[in-house]
N, C-alpha and C. Protein backbone atom coordinates (compact mmCIF):
# COMPACT_ATOMS: atom_id res chain seq x y z
N MET A 1 0.84 7.47 -7.19
CA MET A 1 2.08 6.70 -7.02
C MET A 1 2.25 6.35 -5.55
N CYS A 2 2.69 5.16 -5.30
CA CYS A 2 3.10 4.77 -3.95
C CYS A 2 4.36 3.96 -4.12
N GLY A 3 5.52 4.54 -3.73
CA GLY A 3 6.78 3.88 -3.97
C GLY A 3 7.53 3.46 -2.73
N ARG A 4 7.13 3.94 -1.56
CA ARG A 4 7.73 3.53 -0.29
C ARG A 4 6.67 3.65 0.80
N PHE A 5 6.69 2.75 1.76
CA PHE A 5 5.78 2.89 2.89
C PHE A 5 6.38 2.22 4.12
N THR A 6 5.70 2.36 5.24
CA THR A 6 6.17 1.80 6.50
C THR A 6 5.12 0.85 7.08
N LEU A 7 5.59 -0.02 7.95
CA LEU A 7 4.68 -0.85 8.75
C LEU A 7 5.35 -1.03 10.11
N THR A 8 4.95 -0.18 11.04
CA THR A 8 5.54 -0.19 12.38
C THR A 8 4.55 -0.61 13.44
N ALA A 9 3.31 -0.89 13.07
CA ALA A 9 2.29 -1.33 14.03
C ALA A 9 2.64 -2.71 14.57
N SER A 10 2.17 -3.01 15.75
CA SER A 10 2.40 -4.33 16.34
C SER A 10 1.48 -5.36 15.72
N GLY A 11 1.81 -6.63 15.91
CA GLY A 11 0.95 -7.70 15.42
C GLY A 11 -0.43 -7.64 16.04
N GLU A 12 -0.50 -7.27 17.30
CA GLU A 12 -1.79 -7.17 17.99
C GLU A 12 -2.64 -6.05 17.39
N GLU A 13 -2.00 -4.93 17.05
CA GLU A 13 -2.74 -3.83 16.43
C GLU A 13 -3.29 -4.25 15.06
N LEU A 14 -2.48 -4.99 14.32
CA LEU A 14 -2.94 -5.44 13.00
C LEU A 14 -4.07 -6.46 13.12
N ALA A 15 -3.97 -7.36 14.08
CA ALA A 15 -5.04 -8.36 14.27
C ALA A 15 -6.36 -7.67 14.56
N GLU A 16 -6.33 -6.64 15.39
CA GLU A 16 -7.56 -5.92 15.72
C GLU A 16 -8.08 -5.12 14.53
N ALA A 17 -7.19 -4.45 13.81
CA ALA A 17 -7.60 -3.59 12.71
C ALA A 17 -8.08 -4.37 11.49
N PHE A 18 -7.54 -5.60 11.29
CA PHE A 18 -7.83 -6.33 10.06
C PHE A 18 -8.61 -7.62 10.29
N GLY A 19 -9.12 -7.83 11.50
CA GLY A 19 -9.96 -8.99 11.76
C GLY A 19 -9.24 -10.32 11.65
N LEU A 20 -8.03 -10.39 12.18
CA LEU A 20 -7.24 -11.62 12.11
C LEU A 20 -7.44 -12.45 13.38
N ASP A 21 -7.45 -13.77 13.23
CA ASP A 21 -7.61 -14.65 14.39
C ASP A 21 -6.39 -14.64 15.29
N THR A 22 -5.22 -14.52 14.70
CA THR A 22 -3.97 -14.49 15.47
C THR A 22 -3.14 -13.29 15.04
N ALA A 23 -2.35 -12.79 15.96
CA ALA A 23 -1.50 -11.64 15.67
C ALA A 23 -0.25 -12.09 14.92
N PRO A 24 0.05 -11.49 13.79
CA PRO A 24 1.28 -11.88 13.07
C PRO A 24 2.51 -11.42 13.83
N SER A 25 3.58 -12.17 13.67
CA SER A 25 4.86 -11.82 14.28
C SER A 25 5.67 -11.04 13.25
N LEU A 26 6.00 -9.80 13.57
CA LEU A 26 6.72 -8.98 12.61
C LEU A 26 7.53 -7.91 13.33
N ALA A 27 8.60 -7.48 12.66
CA ALA A 27 9.45 -6.41 13.17
C ALA A 27 9.08 -5.11 12.47
N PRO A 28 9.27 -3.97 13.13
CA PRO A 28 8.97 -2.69 12.49
C PRO A 28 9.78 -2.50 11.21
N ARG A 29 9.13 -1.96 10.20
CA ARG A 29 9.81 -1.65 8.93
C ARG A 29 9.53 -0.20 8.58
N TYR A 30 10.60 0.54 8.30
CA TYR A 30 10.49 1.98 8.12
C TYR A 30 10.71 2.44 6.68
N ASN A 31 11.02 1.52 5.78
CA ASN A 31 11.35 1.93 4.41
C ASN A 31 11.11 0.77 3.45
N ILE A 32 9.86 0.35 3.34
CA ILE A 32 9.51 -0.77 2.47
C ILE A 32 9.55 -0.30 1.02
N ALA A 33 10.32 -1.01 0.19
CA ALA A 33 10.57 -0.59 -1.18
C ALA A 33 10.12 -1.66 -2.17
N PRO A 34 9.92 -1.28 -3.44
CA PRO A 34 9.53 -2.24 -4.47
C PRO A 34 10.46 -3.45 -4.52
N SER A 35 9.88 -4.59 -4.82
CA SER A 35 10.53 -5.90 -4.92
C SER A 35 10.77 -6.55 -3.56
N GLN A 36 10.64 -5.80 -2.47
CA GLN A 36 10.83 -6.38 -1.15
C GLN A 36 9.57 -7.15 -0.71
N PRO A 37 9.69 -8.03 0.29
CA PRO A 37 8.51 -8.73 0.82
C PRO A 37 7.55 -7.76 1.48
N VAL A 38 6.27 -7.98 1.24
CA VAL A 38 5.21 -7.13 1.78
C VAL A 38 4.19 -8.02 2.48
N LEU A 39 3.74 -7.60 3.65
CA LEU A 39 2.69 -8.32 4.36
C LEU A 39 1.34 -7.93 3.76
N VAL A 40 0.52 -8.93 3.41
CA VAL A 40 -0.83 -8.66 2.91
C VAL A 40 -1.83 -9.46 3.73
N VAL A 41 -3.05 -8.98 3.73
CA VAL A 41 -4.18 -9.69 4.35
C VAL A 41 -5.13 -10.09 3.23
N ARG A 42 -5.53 -11.36 3.21
CA ARG A 42 -6.41 -11.86 2.16
C ARG A 42 -7.31 -12.95 2.75
N PRO A 43 -8.39 -13.30 2.06
CA PRO A 43 -9.25 -14.37 2.56
C PRO A 43 -8.55 -15.72 2.48
N THR A 44 -8.89 -16.62 3.39
CA THR A 44 -8.41 -18.00 3.28
C THR A 44 -9.10 -18.66 2.08
N ILE A 45 -8.63 -19.83 1.71
CA ILE A 45 -9.18 -20.50 0.53
C ILE A 45 -10.67 -20.75 0.68
N ASP A 46 -11.12 -21.10 1.90
CA ASP A 46 -12.55 -21.36 2.08
C ASP A 46 -13.36 -20.07 2.22
N GLY A 47 -12.67 -18.94 2.32
CA GLY A 47 -13.36 -17.66 2.38
C GLY A 47 -13.97 -17.31 3.72
N HIS A 48 -13.76 -18.15 4.73
CA HIS A 48 -14.41 -17.92 6.03
C HIS A 48 -13.58 -17.07 6.98
N ARG A 49 -12.29 -16.98 6.74
CA ARG A 49 -11.42 -16.23 7.64
C ARG A 49 -10.46 -15.38 6.81
N ARG A 50 -9.60 -14.66 7.51
CA ARG A 50 -8.56 -13.88 6.86
C ARG A 50 -7.20 -14.38 7.31
N GLU A 51 -6.26 -14.34 6.38
CA GLU A 51 -4.90 -14.78 6.68
C GLU A 51 -3.91 -13.73 6.21
N THR A 52 -2.69 -13.82 6.71
CA THR A 52 -1.62 -12.97 6.22
C THR A 52 -0.70 -13.78 5.31
N ALA A 53 -0.05 -13.09 4.42
CA ALA A 53 0.93 -13.73 3.53
C ALA A 53 2.03 -12.71 3.26
N SER A 54 3.20 -13.21 2.92
CA SER A 54 4.32 -12.36 2.53
C SER A 54 4.51 -12.49 1.03
N LEU A 55 4.34 -11.39 0.32
CA LEU A 55 4.42 -11.38 -1.13
C LEU A 55 5.41 -10.33 -1.59
N ALA A 56 6.04 -10.56 -2.74
CA ALA A 56 6.95 -9.57 -3.31
C ALA A 56 6.14 -8.39 -3.83
N TRP A 57 6.65 -7.19 -3.59
CA TRP A 57 5.93 -6.00 -4.05
C TRP A 57 6.28 -5.73 -5.51
N GLY A 58 5.35 -6.06 -6.40
CA GLY A 58 5.50 -5.77 -7.82
C GLY A 58 5.22 -6.98 -8.68
N PHE A 59 4.31 -6.83 -9.65
CA PHE A 59 4.07 -7.86 -10.65
C PHE A 59 5.18 -7.79 -11.68
N GLY A 60 5.52 -8.94 -12.27
CA GLY A 60 6.49 -8.94 -13.35
C GLY A 60 5.99 -8.11 -14.51
N ALA A 61 6.88 -7.38 -15.15
CA ALA A 61 6.50 -6.52 -16.27
C ALA A 61 6.01 -7.36 -17.44
N PRO A 62 5.06 -6.87 -18.24
CA PRO A 62 4.56 -7.60 -19.40
C PRO A 62 5.68 -7.87 -20.40
N ALA A 63 5.51 -8.92 -21.18
CA ALA A 63 6.50 -9.27 -22.19
C ALA A 63 6.72 -8.10 -23.14
N GLY A 64 7.98 -7.82 -23.45
CA GLY A 64 8.31 -6.75 -24.38
C GLY A 64 8.39 -5.39 -23.73
N ALA A 65 8.06 -5.29 -22.43
CA ALA A 65 8.11 -4.00 -21.74
C ALA A 65 9.36 -3.93 -20.89
N SER A 66 9.47 -2.86 -20.13
CA SER A 66 10.59 -2.71 -19.20
C SER A 66 10.60 -3.88 -18.23
N THR A 67 11.77 -4.21 -17.74
CA THR A 67 11.87 -5.32 -16.79
C THR A 67 11.54 -4.87 -15.37
N ARG A 68 11.31 -3.58 -15.16
CA ARG A 68 10.96 -3.10 -13.83
C ARG A 68 9.59 -3.65 -13.45
N PRO A 69 9.41 -4.09 -12.20
CA PRO A 69 8.12 -4.63 -11.80
C PRO A 69 7.06 -3.55 -11.76
N LEU A 70 5.81 -3.97 -11.91
CA LEU A 70 4.66 -3.07 -11.81
C LEU A 70 4.24 -3.03 -10.35
N ILE A 71 4.49 -1.91 -9.68
CA ILE A 71 4.22 -1.85 -8.25
C ILE A 71 2.88 -1.22 -7.92
N ASN A 72 2.33 -0.43 -8.84
CA ASN A 72 1.04 0.24 -8.64
C ASN A 72 0.12 -0.05 -9.80
N ALA A 73 -1.17 0.01 -9.54
CA ALA A 73 -2.19 -0.14 -10.58
C ALA A 73 -3.20 0.99 -10.41
N ARG A 74 -3.53 1.65 -11.47
CA ARG A 74 -4.53 2.72 -11.39
C ARG A 74 -5.89 2.09 -11.09
N ALA A 75 -6.53 2.55 -10.04
CA ALA A 75 -7.81 1.96 -9.62
C ALA A 75 -8.87 2.10 -10.71
N GLU A 76 -8.80 3.18 -11.47
CA GLU A 76 -9.83 3.43 -12.47
C GLU A 76 -9.79 2.45 -13.64
N THR A 77 -8.62 1.85 -13.89
CA THR A 77 -8.48 1.01 -15.09
C THR A 77 -7.99 -0.40 -14.80
N ALA A 78 -7.69 -0.73 -13.54
CA ALA A 78 -7.11 -2.04 -13.22
C ALA A 78 -8.02 -3.19 -13.64
N HIS A 79 -9.34 -2.99 -13.60
CA HIS A 79 -10.27 -4.08 -13.91
C HIS A 79 -10.23 -4.50 -15.37
N ARG A 80 -9.65 -3.66 -16.24
CA ARG A 80 -9.61 -4.02 -17.66
C ARG A 80 -8.21 -4.18 -18.24
N ARG A 81 -7.18 -3.83 -17.47
CA ARG A 81 -5.82 -3.98 -17.98
C ARG A 81 -5.39 -5.45 -17.88
N PRO A 82 -4.80 -6.00 -18.93
CA PRO A 82 -4.41 -7.42 -18.92
C PRO A 82 -3.51 -7.81 -17.74
N SER A 83 -2.66 -6.89 -17.30
CA SER A 83 -1.73 -7.21 -16.21
C SER A 83 -2.45 -7.41 -14.87
N PHE A 84 -3.64 -6.80 -14.73
CA PHE A 84 -4.29 -6.76 -13.43
C PHE A 84 -5.71 -7.33 -13.38
N ARG A 85 -6.37 -7.52 -14.53
CA ARG A 85 -7.81 -7.79 -14.50
C ARG A 85 -8.17 -9.10 -13.81
N ASP A 86 -7.36 -10.15 -13.97
CA ASP A 86 -7.68 -11.41 -13.28
C ASP A 86 -7.57 -11.25 -11.77
N SER A 87 -6.54 -10.55 -11.32
CA SER A 87 -6.39 -10.32 -9.89
C SER A 87 -7.49 -9.41 -9.37
N PHE A 88 -7.87 -8.42 -10.15
CA PHE A 88 -8.94 -7.52 -9.73
C PHE A 88 -10.23 -8.29 -9.52
N ARG A 89 -10.47 -9.26 -10.36
CA ARG A 89 -11.71 -10.03 -10.29
C ARG A 89 -11.69 -11.02 -9.13
N ALA A 90 -10.57 -11.65 -8.85
CA ALA A 90 -10.60 -12.78 -7.92
C ALA A 90 -9.53 -12.79 -6.85
N ARG A 91 -8.57 -11.86 -6.89
CA ARG A 91 -7.46 -11.92 -5.92
C ARG A 91 -7.18 -10.52 -5.36
N ARG A 92 -8.16 -9.99 -4.65
CA ARG A 92 -7.98 -8.69 -4.01
C ARG A 92 -7.46 -8.89 -2.58
N CYS A 93 -6.68 -7.96 -2.10
CA CYS A 93 -6.09 -8.07 -0.77
C CYS A 93 -5.98 -6.70 -0.13
N LEU A 94 -5.62 -6.68 1.14
CA LEU A 94 -5.32 -5.46 1.87
C LEU A 94 -3.83 -5.44 2.17
N VAL A 95 -3.22 -4.28 2.03
CA VAL A 95 -1.81 -4.12 2.35
C VAL A 95 -1.72 -3.20 3.58
N PRO A 96 -1.46 -3.74 4.76
CA PRO A 96 -1.36 -2.90 5.96
C PRO A 96 -0.15 -1.97 5.87
N ALA A 97 -0.34 -0.74 6.30
CA ALA A 97 0.73 0.25 6.32
C ALA A 97 0.51 1.20 7.49
N SER A 98 1.58 1.68 8.05
CA SER A 98 1.48 2.71 9.07
C SER A 98 1.50 4.11 8.45
N GLY A 99 2.07 4.21 7.29
CA GLY A 99 2.12 5.46 6.55
C GLY A 99 2.88 5.24 5.25
N PHE A 100 2.97 6.27 4.43
CA PHE A 100 3.69 6.15 3.16
C PHE A 100 4.44 7.44 2.88
N PHE A 101 5.41 7.36 1.99
CA PHE A 101 6.24 8.50 1.64
C PHE A 101 5.88 9.03 0.26
N GLU A 102 6.04 10.33 0.10
CA GLU A 102 5.92 10.94 -1.22
C GLU A 102 6.95 12.06 -1.30
N TRP A 103 7.46 12.30 -2.51
CA TRP A 103 8.50 13.29 -2.73
C TRP A 103 7.92 14.50 -3.43
N GLN A 104 8.14 15.67 -2.84
CA GLN A 104 7.62 16.92 -3.40
C GLN A 104 8.44 17.29 -4.64
N ARG A 105 7.77 17.30 -5.78
CA ARG A 105 8.49 17.48 -7.03
C ARG A 105 8.83 18.94 -7.31
N SER A 106 8.24 19.86 -6.58
CA SER A 106 8.49 21.28 -6.83
C SER A 106 9.77 21.77 -6.17
N THR A 107 10.44 20.91 -5.41
CA THR A 107 11.69 21.31 -4.76
C THR A 107 12.85 20.55 -5.39
N GLN A 108 14.02 21.16 -5.36
CA GLN A 108 15.24 20.51 -5.87
C GLN A 108 16.33 20.61 -4.81
N PRO A 109 16.85 19.52 -4.29
CA PRO A 109 16.37 18.17 -4.59
C PRO A 109 14.99 17.93 -4.02
N ARG A 110 14.33 16.90 -4.50
CA ARG A 110 12.97 16.61 -4.07
C ARG A 110 12.94 16.28 -2.58
N GLN A 111 11.99 16.88 -1.88
CA GLN A 111 11.88 16.71 -0.44
C GLN A 111 10.91 15.58 -0.10
N PRO A 112 11.39 14.52 0.60
CA PRO A 112 10.46 13.46 0.99
C PRO A 112 9.54 13.91 2.13
N HIS A 113 8.30 13.45 2.07
CA HIS A 113 7.31 13.69 3.11
C HIS A 113 6.73 12.36 3.57
N TYR A 114 6.35 12.32 4.82
CA TYR A 114 5.70 11.13 5.38
C TYR A 114 4.24 11.45 5.65
N ILE A 115 3.36 10.56 5.17
CA ILE A 115 1.91 10.76 5.27
C ILE A 115 1.31 9.61 6.07
N ARG A 116 0.47 9.93 7.05
CA ARG A 116 -0.14 8.91 7.90
C ARG A 116 -1.48 9.40 8.41
N ARG A 117 -2.19 8.53 9.12
CA ARG A 117 -3.42 8.94 9.79
C ARG A 117 -3.06 9.82 11.00
N ARG A 118 -3.91 10.79 11.29
CA ARG A 118 -3.69 11.64 12.45
C ARG A 118 -3.75 10.85 13.75
N ASP A 119 -4.64 9.83 13.78
CA ASP A 119 -4.81 9.07 15.02
C ASP A 119 -3.80 7.93 15.15
N GLY A 120 -2.92 7.76 14.18
CA GLY A 120 -1.87 6.75 14.27
C GLY A 120 -2.32 5.34 13.94
N ARG A 121 -3.59 5.13 13.59
CA ARG A 121 -4.06 3.78 13.29
C ARG A 121 -3.48 3.29 11.95
N PRO A 122 -3.38 1.98 11.78
CA PRO A 122 -2.87 1.45 10.51
C PRO A 122 -3.78 1.81 9.34
N LEU A 123 -3.18 1.94 8.18
CA LEU A 123 -3.90 2.15 6.94
C LEU A 123 -4.14 0.81 6.27
N ALA A 124 -5.27 0.70 5.58
CA ALA A 124 -5.58 -0.49 4.77
C ALA A 124 -5.50 -0.08 3.31
N LEU A 125 -4.37 -0.35 2.67
CA LEU A 125 -4.20 -0.02 1.25
C LEU A 125 -4.85 -1.12 0.41
N ALA A 126 -5.59 -0.73 -0.60
CA ALA A 126 -6.22 -1.70 -1.49
C ALA A 126 -5.16 -2.31 -2.40
N GLY A 127 -5.08 -3.64 -2.40
CA GLY A 127 -4.08 -4.31 -3.21
C GLY A 127 -4.65 -5.44 -4.04
N LEU A 128 -3.85 -5.90 -4.98
CA LEU A 128 -4.15 -7.07 -5.79
C LEU A 128 -2.96 -8.01 -5.66
N TRP A 129 -3.22 -9.32 -5.77
CA TRP A 129 -2.10 -10.26 -5.68
C TRP A 129 -2.21 -11.31 -6.77
N GLN A 130 -1.11 -11.95 -7.04
CA GLN A 130 -1.08 -13.06 -8.00
C GLN A 130 -0.12 -14.13 -7.49
N PRO A 131 -0.41 -15.40 -7.79
CA PRO A 131 0.50 -16.47 -7.37
C PRO A 131 1.80 -16.40 -8.15
N GLY A 132 2.83 -16.97 -7.58
CA GLY A 132 4.11 -17.01 -8.26
C GLY A 132 4.13 -18.09 -9.33
N PRO A 133 5.14 -18.11 -10.17
CA PRO A 133 5.27 -19.16 -11.18
C PRO A 133 5.52 -20.50 -10.51
N PRO A 134 5.34 -21.60 -11.23
CA PRO A 134 5.59 -22.92 -10.65
C PRO A 134 6.96 -23.01 -10.00
N GLY A 135 7.00 -23.50 -8.77
CA GLY A 135 8.25 -23.63 -8.05
C GLY A 135 8.63 -22.43 -7.21
N ALA A 136 7.92 -21.30 -7.41
CA ALA A 136 8.23 -20.10 -6.63
C ALA A 136 7.68 -20.25 -5.22
N GLU A 137 8.38 -19.65 -4.25
CA GLU A 137 7.96 -19.75 -2.87
C GLU A 137 6.74 -18.88 -2.57
N SER A 138 6.60 -17.77 -3.26
CA SER A 138 5.48 -16.88 -2.99
C SER A 138 5.10 -16.12 -4.24
N GLY A 139 4.00 -15.39 -4.15
CA GLY A 139 3.53 -14.61 -5.27
C GLY A 139 3.94 -13.15 -5.14
N ALA A 140 3.12 -12.27 -5.72
CA ALA A 140 3.44 -10.85 -5.76
C ALA A 140 2.17 -10.03 -5.55
N CYS A 141 2.36 -8.76 -5.27
CA CYS A 141 1.21 -7.88 -5.07
C CYS A 141 1.49 -6.51 -5.66
N VAL A 142 0.43 -5.75 -5.89
CA VAL A 142 0.52 -4.35 -6.29
C VAL A 142 -0.44 -3.55 -5.42
N ILE A 143 -0.24 -2.25 -5.39
CA ILE A 143 -1.09 -1.34 -4.62
C ILE A 143 -1.85 -0.46 -5.59
N LEU A 144 -3.16 -0.32 -5.38
CA LEU A 144 -3.98 0.53 -6.23
C LEU A 144 -3.80 1.99 -5.84
N THR A 145 -3.86 2.87 -6.85
CA THR A 145 -3.75 4.30 -6.60
C THR A 145 -4.97 5.03 -7.15
N THR A 146 -5.20 6.22 -6.62
CA THR A 146 -6.34 7.03 -7.02
C THR A 146 -5.92 8.50 -7.03
N GLU A 147 -6.88 9.40 -7.23
CA GLU A 147 -6.59 10.83 -7.19
C GLU A 147 -6.21 11.25 -5.76
N PRO A 148 -5.39 12.27 -5.61
CA PRO A 148 -4.94 12.65 -4.28
C PRO A 148 -5.97 13.48 -3.52
N ASN A 149 -5.91 13.42 -2.19
CA ASN A 149 -6.71 14.34 -1.40
C ASN A 149 -5.90 15.63 -1.18
N ASP A 150 -6.43 16.53 -0.37
CA ASP A 150 -5.78 17.84 -0.21
C ASP A 150 -4.45 17.76 0.54
N VAL A 151 -4.21 16.67 1.28
CA VAL A 151 -2.92 16.51 1.96
C VAL A 151 -1.84 16.10 0.97
N VAL A 152 -2.19 15.18 0.07
CA VAL A 152 -1.20 14.62 -0.86
C VAL A 152 -1.04 15.45 -2.13
N ALA A 153 -2.09 16.16 -2.54
CA ALA A 153 -2.06 16.88 -3.82
C ALA A 153 -0.87 17.82 -3.99
N PRO A 154 -0.41 18.53 -2.94
CA PRO A 154 0.76 19.39 -3.15
C PRO A 154 2.05 18.61 -3.42
N LEU A 155 2.01 17.30 -3.17
CA LEU A 155 3.21 16.48 -3.32
C LEU A 155 3.18 15.63 -4.58
N HIS A 156 2.02 15.11 -4.93
CA HIS A 156 1.94 14.18 -6.07
C HIS A 156 0.50 14.14 -6.59
N ASP A 157 0.35 13.69 -7.86
CA ASP A 157 -0.98 13.65 -8.46
C ASP A 157 -1.69 12.31 -8.28
N ARG A 158 -1.07 11.40 -7.49
CA ARG A 158 -1.71 10.12 -7.17
C ARG A 158 -1.44 9.80 -5.71
N MET A 159 -2.30 8.96 -5.12
CA MET A 159 -2.08 8.46 -3.78
C MET A 159 -2.65 7.05 -3.69
N PRO A 160 -2.25 6.27 -2.69
CA PRO A 160 -2.80 4.91 -2.56
C PRO A 160 -4.31 4.96 -2.27
N VAL A 161 -5.02 3.96 -2.73
CA VAL A 161 -6.41 3.77 -2.31
C VAL A 161 -6.39 3.26 -0.87
N ILE A 162 -6.98 4.02 0.04
CA ILE A 162 -7.03 3.67 1.46
C ILE A 162 -8.47 3.36 1.81
N LEU A 163 -8.72 2.15 2.29
CA LEU A 163 -10.09 1.69 2.54
C LEU A 163 -10.51 1.95 3.97
N ALA A 164 -11.75 2.43 4.14
CA ALA A 164 -12.33 2.58 5.47
C ALA A 164 -12.59 1.21 6.07
N ASP A 165 -12.67 1.15 7.39
CA ASP A 165 -12.86 -0.14 8.08
C ASP A 165 -14.06 -0.90 7.53
N ASP A 166 -15.16 -0.22 7.31
CA ASP A 166 -16.38 -0.88 6.86
C ASP A 166 -16.27 -1.42 5.44
N ASP A 167 -15.25 -1.01 4.71
CA ASP A 167 -15.10 -1.44 3.32
C ASP A 167 -14.13 -2.61 3.15
N HIS A 168 -13.47 -3.03 4.22
CA HIS A 168 -12.53 -4.15 4.11
C HIS A 168 -13.23 -5.40 3.57
N ALA A 169 -14.37 -5.74 4.17
CA ALA A 169 -15.08 -6.96 3.77
C ALA A 169 -15.57 -6.88 2.34
N ILE A 170 -16.01 -5.71 1.91
CA ILE A 170 -16.48 -5.56 0.53
C ILE A 170 -15.34 -5.81 -0.44
N TRP A 171 -14.17 -5.24 -0.14
CA TRP A 171 -13.03 -5.40 -1.04
C TRP A 171 -12.53 -6.84 -1.10
N LEU A 172 -12.58 -7.54 0.02
CA LEU A 172 -12.05 -8.90 0.07
C LEU A 172 -13.04 -9.97 -0.38
N ALA A 173 -14.31 -9.65 -0.47
CA ALA A 173 -15.33 -10.66 -0.79
C ALA A 173 -15.07 -11.29 -2.16
N ALA A 174 -15.02 -12.62 -2.17
CA ALA A 174 -14.78 -13.34 -3.43
C ALA A 174 -15.92 -13.12 -4.42
N ASP A 175 -17.12 -13.02 -3.89
CA ASP A 175 -18.29 -12.80 -4.74
C ASP A 175 -18.77 -11.37 -4.61
N GLY A 176 -17.82 -10.46 -4.44
CA GLY A 176 -18.14 -9.06 -4.21
C GLY A 176 -18.71 -8.38 -5.44
N PRO A 177 -19.03 -7.11 -5.31
CA PRO A 177 -19.63 -6.36 -6.41
C PRO A 177 -18.66 -6.17 -7.57
N GLY A 178 -19.19 -5.80 -8.71
CA GLY A 178 -18.38 -5.58 -9.90
C GLY A 178 -17.67 -4.24 -9.86
N PRO A 179 -16.90 -3.94 -10.92
CA PRO A 179 -16.09 -2.72 -10.97
C PRO A 179 -16.90 -1.45 -10.74
N ALA A 180 -18.11 -1.39 -11.28
CA ALA A 180 -18.91 -0.17 -11.15
C ALA A 180 -19.22 0.13 -9.69
N THR A 181 -19.55 -0.91 -8.93
CA THR A 181 -19.87 -0.72 -7.51
C THR A 181 -18.61 -0.48 -6.69
N LEU A 182 -17.54 -1.18 -7.02
CA LEU A 182 -16.28 -1.00 -6.27
C LEU A 182 -15.69 0.38 -6.47
N ARG A 183 -16.10 1.06 -7.52
CA ARG A 183 -15.52 2.36 -7.83
C ARG A 183 -15.68 3.36 -6.69
N ARG A 184 -16.74 3.23 -5.93
CA ARG A 184 -16.96 4.19 -4.83
C ARG A 184 -15.88 4.03 -3.76
N LEU A 185 -15.25 2.85 -3.68
CA LEU A 185 -14.20 2.64 -2.70
C LEU A 185 -12.91 3.39 -3.06
N PHE A 186 -12.83 3.87 -4.29
CA PHE A 186 -11.60 4.47 -4.78
C PHE A 186 -11.53 5.98 -4.55
N ALA A 187 -12.52 6.53 -3.85
CA ALA A 187 -12.46 7.96 -3.53
C ALA A 187 -11.27 8.23 -2.62
N PRO A 188 -10.64 9.38 -2.77
CA PRO A 188 -9.49 9.69 -1.89
C PRO A 188 -9.88 9.63 -0.41
N PHE A 189 -9.01 9.09 0.40
CA PHE A 189 -9.25 9.02 1.84
C PHE A 189 -9.40 10.44 2.38
N PRO A 190 -10.33 10.67 3.31
CA PRO A 190 -10.58 12.03 3.80
C PRO A 190 -9.32 12.72 4.30
N ALA A 191 -9.04 13.89 3.76
CA ALA A 191 -7.84 14.62 4.13
C ALA A 191 -7.84 15.02 5.60
N VAL A 192 -9.02 15.25 6.17
CA VAL A 192 -9.10 15.69 7.56
C VAL A 192 -8.57 14.62 8.52
N LEU A 193 -8.51 13.37 8.06
CA LEU A 193 -8.03 12.28 8.90
C LEU A 193 -6.53 12.02 8.74
N MET A 194 -5.87 12.79 7.88
CA MET A 194 -4.47 12.53 7.57
C MET A 194 -3.59 13.73 7.88
N THR A 195 -2.30 13.45 7.99
CA THR A 195 -1.32 14.51 8.19
C THR A 195 -0.04 14.15 7.44
N ALA A 196 0.76 15.15 7.13
CA ALA A 196 2.02 14.93 6.41
C ALA A 196 3.06 15.90 6.93
N TYR A 197 4.32 15.47 6.90
CA TYR A 197 5.40 16.37 7.30
C TYR A 197 6.67 15.98 6.56
N PRO A 198 7.56 16.94 6.29
CA PRO A 198 8.82 16.63 5.60
C PRO A 198 9.75 15.84 6.51
N VAL A 199 10.43 14.86 5.92
CA VAL A 199 11.31 13.99 6.70
C VAL A 199 12.73 14.01 6.15
N SER A 200 13.61 13.40 6.93
CA SER A 200 15.01 13.27 6.56
C SER A 200 15.16 12.56 5.21
N THR A 201 16.21 12.89 4.49
CA THR A 201 16.48 12.22 3.21
C THR A 201 17.04 10.81 3.41
N ALA A 202 17.08 10.34 4.65
CA ALA A 202 17.53 8.96 4.90
C ALA A 202 16.68 7.96 4.13
N VAL A 203 15.39 8.29 3.94
CA VAL A 203 14.49 7.37 3.24
C VAL A 203 14.87 7.20 1.78
N ASN A 204 15.64 8.11 1.23
CA ASN A 204 16.02 8.02 -0.18
C ASN A 204 16.83 6.77 -0.49
N ASP A 205 17.53 6.24 0.50
CA ASP A 205 18.38 5.07 0.32
C ASP A 205 17.65 3.84 0.85
N VAL A 206 17.34 2.89 -0.02
CA VAL A 206 16.58 1.71 0.40
C VAL A 206 17.32 0.88 1.43
N ARG A 207 18.61 1.10 1.59
CA ARG A 207 19.36 0.35 2.59
C ARG A 207 19.07 0.84 4.00
N ASN A 208 18.51 2.04 4.11
CA ASN A 208 18.14 2.57 5.41
C ASN A 208 16.76 2.07 5.79
N ASP A 209 16.65 1.40 6.91
CA ASP A 209 15.36 0.87 7.35
C ASP A 209 15.23 1.04 8.87
N GLY A 210 15.49 2.25 9.32
CA GLY A 210 15.38 2.55 10.74
C GLY A 210 14.51 3.76 10.98
N ALA A 211 14.31 4.08 12.24
CA ALA A 211 13.44 5.20 12.62
C ALA A 211 13.94 6.53 12.08
N SER A 212 15.20 6.59 11.67
CA SER A 212 15.72 7.85 11.11
C SER A 212 14.95 8.27 9.86
N CYS A 213 14.32 7.32 9.18
CA CYS A 213 13.54 7.64 7.98
C CYS A 213 12.32 8.51 8.31
N LEU A 214 11.91 8.50 9.56
CA LEU A 214 10.73 9.27 9.97
C LEU A 214 11.08 10.55 10.70
N GLU A 215 12.37 10.82 10.86
CA GLU A 215 12.76 12.04 11.56
C GLU A 215 12.38 13.28 10.75
N PRO A 216 11.79 14.28 11.41
CA PRO A 216 11.45 15.52 10.68
C PRO A 216 12.68 16.13 10.02
N ALA A 217 12.47 16.69 8.83
CA ALA A 217 13.58 17.32 8.12
C ALA A 217 14.06 18.53 8.91
N ARG A 218 15.35 18.78 8.87
CA ARG A 218 15.91 19.95 9.55
C ARG A 218 15.61 21.20 8.74
N THR A 219 15.24 22.25 9.41
CA THR A 219 14.91 23.52 8.75
C THR A 219 16.06 24.51 8.92
N LEU A 220 15.90 25.65 8.28
CA LEU A 220 16.94 26.68 8.40
C LEU A 220 17.10 27.15 9.85
N PHE A 221 16.06 26.93 10.63
CA PHE A 221 16.08 27.40 12.03
C PHE A 221 16.28 26.25 12.99
N GLY A 222 16.77 25.11 12.50
CA GLY A 222 17.07 23.99 13.38
C GLY A 222 16.24 22.79 13.12
């Protein structure tokens, strides 16, 4: 599951990390939630460069199902599920993130934790996108999930698929490998490269989008 994340890196940091010709102009975001606009990186139409786009986070729910958007897709089955298979085949993208939140279910109330790279570099979450309906200004995206590593496992049984730098091009290639070959990209990101800590419950409210969402949780000793 990935239900909230942050993007606080600068445009210059994203341009370097994601191979962009120009640095995107963006403000720090500390509490990105489903249905909100999400920055994605995808190939240009000619496939020679990479571009950024702003897409709504979540595919529309299938007919007859809940009206809640589909914000995540299981990496193991996305290639064959009707909601995702066309995008998996031809519309893969990267979702830049500085970190993501997960709630520890063994505590009451559930304690939010913030998970990021130890070195502070941006994460490249594996995503899928789809165009919007006729007349819509933009399309939508989802984030793929996989089994958790040792950092995330105490908090949740799923985590986002995080791609290594060398795998960005493979994931974005229009004529890339099939599902069997892409499966190796879905291994949990190495736990040794990640860290997590409990944070303030400010993140629980989607209206909060400031640095307070990343403040360490207060303990019994201060």
